[in-house]
């Protein structure tokens, strides 16, 4: 091999190494991003379930004794949540 070919080989080797390192770094960043997105989706599902529960509570509280019905529904939901946790 000539001197020029050796220099070219070194340059290409360094560039390929840099390319692989950048690829690995980007892949790790992508995995972290996917994990963060999963956490956000899980929290969003929890919020949606909470909103649905609140909507059910408010839906059942119509009429003259709405305040007391609201309190009763809150206690019912608290009991259900406590049973699910056990």
N, C-alpha and C. Protein backbone atom coordinates (compact mmCIF):
# COMPACT_ATOMS: atom_id res chain seq x y z
N UNK A 1 0.83 -1.17 0.00
CA UNK A 1 0.00 0.00 0.00
C UNK A 1 0.88 1.24 0.00
N UNK A 2 0.42 2.19 -0.71
CA UNK A 2 1.17 3.44 -0.76
C UNK A 2 0.83 4.31 0.44
N UNK A 3 1.57 5.36 0.60
CA UNK A 3 1.36 6.29 1.71
C UNK A 3 -0.03 6.95 1.61
N UNK A 4 -0.47 7.31 0.43
CA UNK A 4 -1.78 7.96 0.23
C UNK A 4 -2.91 6.99 0.57
N UNK A 5 -2.76 5.73 0.20
CA UNK A 5 -3.80 4.75 0.51
C UNK A 5 -3.89 4.51 2.02
N UNK A 6 -2.78 4.52 2.70
CA UNK A 6 -2.78 4.34 4.16
C UNK A 6 -3.48 5.50 4.85
N UNK A 7 -3.20 6.71 4.41
CA UNK A 7 -3.86 7.89 4.99
C UNK A 7 -5.36 7.84 4.73
N UNK A 8 -5.75 7.47 3.52
CA UNK A 8 -7.17 7.34 3.18
C UNK A 8 -7.84 6.28 4.04
N UNK A 9 -7.17 5.16 4.27
CA UNK A 9 -7.71 4.10 5.11
C UNK A 9 -7.93 4.59 6.54
N UNK A 10 -6.97 5.33 7.09
CA UNK A 10 -7.12 5.89 8.44
C UNK A 10 -8.29 6.87 8.51
N UNK A 11 -8.41 7.71 7.51
CA UNK A 11 -9.50 8.69 7.50
C UNK A 11 -10.85 7.99 7.45
N UNK A 12 -10.98 6.99 6.59
CA UNK A 12 -12.24 6.27 6.48
C UNK A 12 -12.56 5.49 7.76
N UNK A 13 -11.54 4.94 8.40
CA UNK A 13 -11.74 4.20 9.64
C UNK A 13 -12.26 5.14 10.74
N UNK A 14 -11.66 6.31 10.84
CA UNK A 14 -12.10 7.28 11.85
C UNK A 14 -13.53 7.73 11.57
N UNK A 15 -13.85 8.01 10.31
CA UNK A 15 -15.20 8.45 9.97
C UNK A 15 -16.24 7.36 10.25
N UNK A 16 -15.89 6.12 9.94
CA UNK A 16 -16.80 5.01 10.21
C UNK A 16 -17.00 4.83 11.72
N UNK A 17 -15.96 4.98 12.49
CA UNK A 17 -16.08 4.89 13.95
C UNK A 17 -16.98 5.99 14.50
N UNK A 18 -16.80 7.19 14.00
CA UNK A 18 -17.65 8.31 14.44
C UNK A 18 -19.11 8.05 14.06
N UNK A 19 -19.32 7.52 12.87
CA UNK A 19 -20.68 7.20 12.42
C UNK A 19 -21.33 6.17 13.34
N UNK A 20 -20.60 5.12 13.70
CA UNK A 20 -21.14 4.10 14.59
C UNK A 20 -21.42 4.66 15.99
N UNK A 21 -20.54 5.48 16.50
CA UNK A 21 -20.76 6.08 17.81
C UNK A 21 -22.00 6.98 17.82
N UNK A 22 -22.15 7.78 16.78
CA UNK A 22 -23.34 8.64 16.68
C UNK A 22 -24.62 7.80 16.57
N UNK A 23 -24.53 6.71 15.82
CA UNK A 23 -25.69 5.82 15.69
C UNK A 23 -26.09 5.21 17.02
N UNK A 24 -25.10 4.79 17.80
CA UNK A 24 -25.39 4.21 19.12
C UNK A 24 -26.00 5.26 20.04
N UNK A 25 -25.45 6.46 20.03
CA UNK A 25 -25.97 7.54 20.87
C UNK A 25 -27.41 7.88 20.48
N UNK A 26 -27.68 7.95 19.19
CA UNK A 26 -29.05 8.24 18.73
C UNK A 26 -30.01 7.12 19.10
N UNK A 27 -29.56 5.89 19.04
CA UNK A 27 -30.40 4.76 19.40
C UNK A 27 -30.75 4.79 20.89
N UNK A 28 -29.77 5.11 21.73
CA UNK A 28 -30.04 5.22 23.17
C UNK A 28 -31.02 6.36 23.44
N UNK A 29 -30.83 7.48 22.77
CA UNK A 29 -31.74 8.61 22.95
C UNK A 29 -33.16 8.24 22.51
N UNK A 30 -33.27 7.47 21.45
CA UNK A 30 -34.58 7.03 20.97
C UNK A 30 -35.26 6.13 21.99
N UNK A 31 -34.51 5.22 22.59
CA UNK A 31 -35.09 4.35 23.61
C UNK A 31 -35.56 5.16 24.82
N UNK A 32 -34.80 6.16 25.22
CA UNK A 32 -35.22 7.02 26.34
C UNK A 32 -36.48 7.79 25.97
N UNK A 33 -36.56 8.26 24.75
CA UNK A 33 -37.73 9.00 24.29
C UNK A 33 -38.97 8.11 24.31
N UNK A 34 -38.82 6.88 23.84
CA UNK A 34 -39.95 5.94 23.85
C UNK A 34 -40.40 5.66 25.27
N UNK A 35 -39.46 5.52 26.20
CA UNK A 35 -39.82 5.31 27.60
C UNK A 35 -40.57 6.50 28.17
N UNK A 36 -40.13 7.71 27.84
CA UNK A 36 -40.81 8.91 28.32
C UNK A 36 -42.21 9.01 27.73
N UNK A 37 -42.36 8.66 26.48
CA UNK A 37 -43.68 8.69 25.84
C UNK A 37 -44.61 7.68 26.51
N UNK A 38 -44.08 6.51 26.85
CA UNK A 38 -44.91 5.51 27.53
C UNK A 38 -45.39 6.04 28.88
N UNK A 39 -44.52 6.71 29.62
CA UNK A 39 -44.91 7.28 30.91
C UNK A 39 -46.01 8.33 30.74
N UNK A 40 -45.87 9.17 29.73
CA UNK A 40 -46.87 10.21 29.48
C UNK A 40 -48.21 9.58 29.11
N UNK A 41 -48.17 8.54 28.31
CA UNK A 41 -49.42 7.88 27.91
C UNK A 41 -50.09 7.24 29.13
N UNK A 42 -49.30 6.64 30.00
CA UNK A 42 -49.85 6.03 31.21
C UNK A 42 -50.50 7.08 32.10
N UNK A 43 -49.83 8.21 32.26
CA UNK A 43 -50.41 9.29 33.07
C UNK A 43 -51.66 9.85 32.42
N UNK A 44 -51.66 9.96 31.10
CA UNK A 44 -52.83 10.47 30.39
C UNK A 44 -54.02 9.53 30.58
N UNK A 45 -53.76 8.23 30.53
CA UNK A 45 -54.85 7.27 30.75
C UNK A 45 -55.41 7.42 32.17
N UNK A 46 -54.53 7.63 33.13
CA UNK A 46 -54.98 7.82 34.50
C UNK A 46 -55.84 9.06 34.64
N UNK A 47 -55.43 10.13 33.99
CA UNK A 47 -56.20 11.38 34.03
C UNK A 47 -57.56 11.18 33.37
N UNK A 48 -57.58 10.48 32.27
CA UNK A 48 -58.85 10.23 31.57
C UNK A 48 -59.79 9.42 32.46
N UNK A 49 -59.25 8.40 33.13
CA UNK A 49 -60.09 7.61 34.04
C UNK A 49 -60.62 8.47 35.17
N UNK A 50 -59.79 9.37 35.69
CA UNK A 50 -60.23 10.25 36.77
C UNK A 50 -61.34 11.18 36.29
N UNK A 51 -61.18 11.71 35.10
CA UNK A 51 -62.20 12.61 34.55
C UNK A 51 -63.50 11.86 34.33
N UNK A 52 -63.41 10.63 33.85
CA UNK A 52 -64.61 9.83 33.66
C UNK A 52 -65.31 9.57 34.99
N UNK A 53 -64.53 9.31 36.03
CA UNK A 53 -65.10 9.08 37.36
C UNK A 53 -65.80 10.33 37.86
N UNK A 54 -65.18 11.47 37.69
CA UNK A 54 -65.80 12.72 38.12
C UNK A 54 -67.08 12.98 37.33
N UNK A 55 -67.06 12.69 36.05
CA UNK A 55 -68.26 12.87 35.23
C UNK A 55 -69.38 11.97 35.71
N UNK A 56 -69.06 10.73 36.10
CA UNK A 56 -70.08 9.83 36.63
C UNK A 56 -70.65 10.36 37.94
N UNK A 57 -69.78 10.88 38.79
CA UNK A 57 -70.24 11.43 40.07
C UNK A 57 -71.18 12.59 39.83
N UNK A 58 -70.79 13.49 38.96
CA UNK A 58 -71.64 14.67 38.72
C UNK A 58 -72.92 14.32 37.98
N UNK A 59 -72.87 13.29 37.16
CA UNK A 59 -74.07 12.88 36.41
C UNK A 59 -75.15 12.36 37.36
N UNK A 60 -74.73 11.66 38.41
CA UNK A 60 -75.69 11.08 39.35
C UNK A 60 -76.23 12.09 40.35
N UNK A 61 -75.73 13.30 40.34
CA UNK A 61 -76.15 14.28 41.35
C UNK A 61 -77.08 15.32 40.73
N UNK A 62 -78.31 14.91 40.49
CA UNK A 62 -79.31 15.83 39.98
C UNK A 62 -80.46 15.89 40.98
N UNK A 63 -81.12 16.99 41.03
CA UNK A 63 -82.29 17.09 41.89
C UNK A 63 -82.08 17.99 43.09
N UNK A 64 -83.02 17.87 44.02
CA UNK A 64 -83.03 18.78 45.16
C UNK A 64 -81.92 18.47 46.16
N UNK A 65 -81.56 17.24 46.32
CA UNK A 65 -80.54 16.86 47.29
C UNK A 65 -79.21 16.57 46.59
N UNK A 66 -78.88 17.38 45.63
CA UNK A 66 -77.71 17.14 44.79
C UNK A 66 -76.42 17.13 45.61
N UNK A 67 -76.31 18.01 46.59
CA UNK A 67 -75.09 18.09 47.39
C UNK A 67 -74.85 16.78 48.14
N UNK A 68 -75.91 16.24 48.74
CA UNK A 68 -75.76 15.00 49.50
C UNK A 68 -75.50 13.81 48.59
N UNK A 69 -76.11 13.83 47.42
CA UNK A 69 -75.83 12.77 46.45
C UNK A 69 -74.38 12.83 45.98
N UNK A 70 -73.89 14.02 45.81
CA UNK A 70 -72.49 14.19 45.41
C UNK A 70 -71.56 13.61 46.46
N UNK A 71 -71.80 13.91 47.71
CA UNK A 71 -70.97 13.38 48.81
C UNK A 71 -71.05 11.85 48.84
N UNK A 72 -72.27 11.31 48.69
CA UNK A 72 -72.44 9.86 48.69
C UNK A 72 -71.67 9.21 47.54
N UNK A 73 -71.73 9.81 46.36
CA UNK A 73 -71.02 9.26 45.21
C UNK A 73 -69.51 9.32 45.40
N UNK A 74 -69.04 10.36 46.05
CA UNK A 74 -67.60 10.46 46.32
C UNK A 74 -67.17 9.34 47.26
N UNK A 75 -67.98 9.07 48.27
CA UNK A 75 -67.64 7.97 49.18
C UNK A 75 -67.66 6.63 48.46
N UNK A 76 -68.62 6.43 47.56
CA UNK A 76 -68.67 5.18 46.79
C UNK A 76 -67.41 5.01 45.94
N UNK A 77 -67.00 6.09 45.28
CA UNK A 77 -65.80 6.00 44.46
C UNK A 77 -64.56 5.74 45.31
N UNK A 78 -64.51 6.34 46.48
CA UNK A 78 -63.36 6.12 47.35
C UNK A 78 -63.32 4.66 47.80
N UNK A 79 -64.48 4.07 48.09
CA UNK A 79 -64.54 2.66 48.47
C UNK A 79 -64.06 1.78 47.32
N UNK A 80 -64.52 2.07 46.10
CA UNK A 80 -64.11 1.27 44.94
C UNK A 80 -62.61 1.36 44.73
N UNK A 81 -62.06 2.56 44.84
CA UNK A 81 -60.63 2.74 44.65
C UNK A 81 -59.85 2.01 45.74
N UNK A 82 -60.36 2.04 46.96
CA UNK A 82 -59.68 1.35 48.07
C UNK A 82 -59.71 -0.17 47.85
N UNK A 83 -60.83 -0.69 47.37
CA UNK A 83 -60.93 -2.13 47.10
C UNK A 83 -59.99 -2.55 45.98
N UNK A 84 -59.84 -1.72 44.95
CA UNK A 84 -58.94 -2.04 43.83
C UNK A 84 -57.49 -2.10 44.28
N UNK A 85 -57.12 -1.25 45.22
CA UNK A 85 -55.73 -1.19 45.69
C UNK A 85 -55.37 -2.41 46.53
N UNK A 86 -56.36 -3.01 47.16
CA UNK A 86 -56.06 -4.16 48.04
C UNK A 86 -55.93 -5.39 47.28
